[in-house]
Amino acid sequence: MRKLMMLSVFMAAAAFFSVSAQENPSAAEPAAQEIPVENGVSSGGKSNSIGKKLLMYIPNRLLDLLDIVSIELKSGAVIGAEARVTRAFGIGGEVGSYGSALKGYNRQYGFAVTEGAEGQFFFGSAMDLARPIVWGDVERYWVQGTNFPLPSNRIYKEKARDYWALELGASCLLGVKVSIHPVAIADFLTGLILIDIEDDDLVLKPIHD
């Protein structure tokens, strides 16, 4: 009889704890709720970021290298010659209307129609120049005025033209202008150690369903 009573008490206790676990399922899995999900994601994200940079290392360094020099081939009713050591100092000018094929600053690749005139004599400059028609990744712009060019001017801030470029060009019906971009040189050199000062590196992005 005593054994039967002990067995009954044991079965009643087991049933009580079974019902309590069903009514509070969170108590049955405390470990699953205590896992810091954010930490796992952030550490994995940081590792993936470095991994993605390494995967794109060679393509980005090649693009940075190509960014150093730009070239524009011109054809049209145009005449002029110019040489500049940045937009702050130069001599020469150009006038006319022409079409051009260009590999330009800030990865502008394509064709454009440019018209107007611009000139510079040492520190001062005057211009009324527009690029109204473009094909490809070329920026439209219109710049007008007589002033001392500054990096804060809109056309340079928006990277339609490079304020710091070293430029040499000449044209008479046909023409060519070659530019070297010092900031692009710095971007290439710092890119060797994964520092992107121009913020123009290609980045791999996840594809979401």
Protein backbone atom coordinates (compact mmCIF):
# COMPACT_ATOMS: atom_id res chain seq x y z
CA MET A 1 0.00 0.00 0.00
CA ARG A 2 2.87 2.37 0.90
CA LYS A 3 4.52 1.71 -2.49
CA LEU A 4 1.23 2.38 -4.25
CA MET A 5 0.85 5.75 -2.46
CA MET A 6 4.44 6.80 -3.35
CA LEU A 7 3.86 5.87 -7.00
CA SER A 8 0.66 7.95 -7.03
CA VAL A 9 2.46 10.99 -5.54
CA PHE A 10 5.29 10.67 -8.11
CA MET A 11 2.84 10.47 -11.06
CA ALA A 12 0.92 13.51 -9.78
CA ALA A 13 4.16 15.55 -9.49
CA ALA A 14 5.24 14.56 -13.00
CA ALA A 15 1.88 15.62 -14.41
CA PHE A 16 2.11 18.99 -12.60
CA PHE A 17 5.55 19.84 -14.02
CA SER A 18 4.48 18.70 -17.51
CA VAL A 19 1.49 21.10 -17.48
CA SER A 20 3.66 23.99 -16.19
CA ALA A 21 6.16 23.53 -19.05
CA GLN A 22 3.37 23.62 -21.66
CA GLU A 23 1.86 26.82 -20.21
CA ASN A 24 5.25 28.65 -20.30
CA PRO A 25 7.23 27.48 -23.33
CA SER A 26 9.76 30.33 -22.94
CA ALA A 27 10.90 28.79 -19.66
CA ALA A 28 11.72 25.57 -21.49
CA GLU A 29 14.18 27.34 -23.86
CA PRO A 30 15.96 30.10 -21.96
CA ALA A 31 19.21 29.61 -23.88
CA ALA A 32 17.58 30.42 -27.23
CA GLN A 33 16.43 33.82 -25.97
CA GLU A 34 19.72 34.75 -24.36
CA ILE A 35 21.80 34.43 -27.54
CA PRO A 36 23.04 37.97 -28.51
CA VAL A 37 22.00 37.94 -32.15
CA GLU A 38 23.40 41.44 -32.80
CA ASN A 39 26.92 40.43 -31.85
CA GLY A 40 26.90 37.50 -34.22
CA VAL A 41 25.73 39.66 -37.10
CA SER A 42 28.19 42.50 -36.50
CA SER A 43 31.24 40.26 -36.26
CA GLY A 44 30.19 38.35 -39.35
CA GLY A 45 29.44 41.60 -41.19
CA LYS A 46 32.89 43.00 -40.43
CA SER A 47 34.55 39.84 -41.69
CA ASN A 48 32.43 39.85 -44.83
CA SER A 49 33.27 43.51 -45.48
CA ILE A 50 37.01 42.79 -45.54
CA GLY A 51 36.37 39.69 -47.63
CA LYS A 52 34.38 41.66 -50.20
CA LYS A 53 37.09 44.31 -50.40
CA LEU A 54 39.67 41.61 -51.07
CA LEU A 55 37.49 40.02 -53.75
CA MET A 56 37.22 43.38 -55.54
CA TYR A 57 40.82 44.39 -54.85
CA ILE A 58 42.24 43.83 -58.35
CA PRO A 59 39.29 45.36 -60.29
CA ASN A 60 39.26 48.44 -58.04
CA ARG A 61 43.00 48.99 -58.29
CA LEU A 62 42.83 48.74 -62.09
CA LEU A 63 40.00 51.30 -62.18
CA ASP A 64 41.93 53.60 -59.83
CA LEU A 65 44.93 53.34 -62.14
CA LEU A 66 42.81 54.25 -65.18
CA ASP A 67 41.40 57.25 -63.28
CA ILE A 68 44.81 58.93 -63.19
CA VAL A 69 44.74 60.03 -66.84
CA SER A 70 41.82 61.28 -68.90
CA ILE A 71 41.73 62.13 -72.60
CA GLU A 72 39.31 64.00 -74.85
CA LEU A 73 39.34 63.79 -78.66
CA LYS A 74 37.61 66.74 -80.37
CA SER A 75 36.23 67.48 -83.80
CA GLY A 76 34.34 70.54 -85.00
CA ALA A 77 34.48 74.29 -85.46
CA VAL A 78 36.93 74.84 -82.62
CA ILE A 79 40.31 76.49 -82.12
CA GLY A 80 42.48 77.01 -79.08
CA ALA A 81 45.36 75.89 -76.88
CA GLU A 82 45.66 75.65 -73.12
CA ALA A 83 47.96 74.54 -70.33
CA ARG A 84 46.97 74.44 -66.66
CA VAL A 85 48.50 73.53 -63.33
CA THR A 86 45.15 73.08 -61.58
CA ARG A 87 42.29 75.46 -62.32
CA ALA A 88 43.94 78.03 -60.06
CA PHE A 89 46.76 78.74 -62.52
CA GLY A 90 46.97 78.39 -66.28
CA ILE A 91 47.19 80.10 -69.62
CA GLY A 92 45.31 79.72 -72.88
CA GLY A 93 41.78 79.35 -74.09
CA GLU A 94 39.40 77.78 -76.56
CA VAL A 95 36.36 78.86 -78.54
CA GLY A 96 33.92 77.02 -80.78
CA SER A 97 31.42 74.21 -80.98
CA TYR A 98 32.57 70.62 -81.20
CA GLY A 99 31.80 67.00 -80.55
CA SER A 100 34.12 64.84 -78.51
CA ALA A 101 34.80 61.28 -77.47
CA LEU A 102 36.15 61.20 -73.98
CA LYS A 103 37.43 59.12 -71.14
CA GLY A 104 36.88 61.81 -68.58
CA TYR A 105 37.32 62.71 -64.96
CA ASN A 106 35.24 60.85 -62.37
CA ARG A 107 34.76 57.91 -64.75
CA GLN A 108 32.90 59.83 -67.42
CA TYR A 109 32.97 57.63 -70.52
CA GLY A 110 31.07 58.57 -73.65
CA PHE A 111 30.42 61.35 -76.13
CA ALA A 112 29.44 65.00 -75.77
CA VAL A 113 28.71 68.20 -77.65
CA THR A 114 30.36 71.29 -76.15
CA GLU A 115 29.93 74.91 -77.18
CA GLY A 116 31.11 78.31 -76.04
CA ALA A 117 34.39 79.81 -74.97
CA GLU A 118 36.75 79.87 -72.01
CA GLY A 119 40.10 81.47 -71.32
CA GLN A 120 42.59 81.80 -68.50
CA PHE A 121 45.53 84.11 -67.96
CA PHE A 122 47.53 83.02 -64.95
CA PHE A 123 45.11 83.28 -61.99
CA GLY A 124 42.08 84.89 -63.63
CA SER A 125 39.61 83.17 -65.91
CA ALA A 126 36.53 83.93 -67.98
CA MET A 127 34.12 81.41 -69.45
CA ASP A 128 30.74 80.84 -70.99
CA LEU A 129 30.80 77.14 -71.74
CA ALA A 130 28.04 74.55 -71.99
CA ARG A 131 27.87 70.81 -72.55
CA PRO A 132 24.15 70.39 -73.35
CA ILE A 133 24.18 67.06 -75.21
CA VAL A 134 25.80 63.91 -73.85
CA TRP A 135 25.80 60.16 -74.42
CA GLY A 136 27.02 57.60 -71.91
CA ASP A 137 28.24 58.45 -68.40
CA VAL A 138 29.09 62.06 -69.21
CA GLU A 139 27.85 64.96 -67.08
CA ARG A 140 26.00 67.92 -68.56
CA TYR A 141 27.01 71.36 -67.36
CA TRP A 142 26.91 75.07 -68.05
CA VAL A 143 29.45 77.38 -66.47
CA GLN A 144 29.58 81.15 -66.90
CA GLY A 145 31.43 84.02 -65.29
CA THR A 146 34.66 85.89 -64.75
CA ASN A 147 36.37 84.93 -61.56
CA PHE A 148 39.17 83.21 -59.73
CA PRO A 149 38.17 79.51 -59.76
CA LEU A 150 37.73 77.84 -56.37
CA PRO A 151 37.33 74.16 -55.40
CA SER A 152 34.04 75.08 -53.76
CA ASN A 153 32.50 76.08 -57.11
CA ARG A 154 29.59 73.81 -57.93
CA ILE A 155 31.08 72.36 -61.11
CA TYR A 156 34.06 71.05 -59.12
CA LYS A 157 32.13 69.95 -56.03
CA GLU A 158 29.84 67.84 -58.21
CA LYS A 159 32.89 66.42 -60.03
CA ALA A 160 31.83 67.42 -63.52
CA ARG A 161 35.35 68.84 -63.90
CA ASP A 162 38.51 68.36 -61.84
CA TYR A 163 39.80 71.49 -60.12
CA TRP A 164 43.20 69.89 -59.36
CA ALA A 165 43.91 68.49 -62.84
CA LEU A 166 47.10 69.17 -64.79
CA GLU A 167 45.90 69.81 -68.35
CA LEU A 168 47.44 70.26 -71.78
CA GLY A 169 45.46 70.59 -74.99
CA ALA A 170 45.29 72.12 -78.46
CA SER A 171 42.68 72.20 -81.19
CA CYS A 172 42.08 73.50 -84.69
CA LEU A 173 39.12 71.70 -86.25
CA LEU A 174 40.58 68.58 -84.66
CA GLY A 175 41.92 68.55 -81.14
CA VAL A 176 43.01 66.62 -78.09
CA LYS A 177 43.25 67.37 -74.39
CA VAL A 178 45.10 65.21 -71.88
CA SER A 179 44.64 65.60 -68.12
CA ILE A 180 46.46 64.08 -65.15
CA HIS A 181 44.57 63.91 -61.86
CA PRO A 182 46.77 64.17 -58.72
CA VAL A 183 43.91 63.22 -56.38
CA ALA A 184 43.41 60.03 -58.42
CA ILE A 185 47.10 59.23 -57.93
CA ALA A 186 46.64 59.57 -54.17
CA ASP A 187 43.49 57.44 -54.36
CA PHE A 188 45.38 54.69 -56.20
CA LEU A 189 48.25 54.68 -53.70
CA THR A 190 46.02 54.63 -50.62
CA GLY A 191 43.84 52.00 -52.31
CA LEU A 192 46.80 49.61 -52.17
CA ILE A 193 46.16 49.43 -48.41
CA LEU A 194 42.35 49.41 -48.79
CA ILE A 195 41.79 53.11 -48.05
CA ASP A 196 39.37 54.66 -50.54
CA ILE A 197 39.74 58.45 -50.24
CA GLU A 198 37.62 59.10 -53.35
CA ASP A 199 34.84 56.74 -52.20
CA ASP A 200 34.60 55.26 -55.69
CA ASP A 201 35.50 51.59 -55.16
CA LEU A 202 33.08 49.01 -56.48
CA VAL A 203 31.32 47.15 -53.64
CA LEU A 204 29.72 43.72 -53.66
CA LYS A 205 26.16 43.81 -52.36
CA PRO A 206 24.01 40.87 -51.22
CA ILE A 207 21.12 39.80 -53.44
CA HIS A 208 17.86 39.58 -51.51
CA ASP A 209 15.03 37.29 -52.59
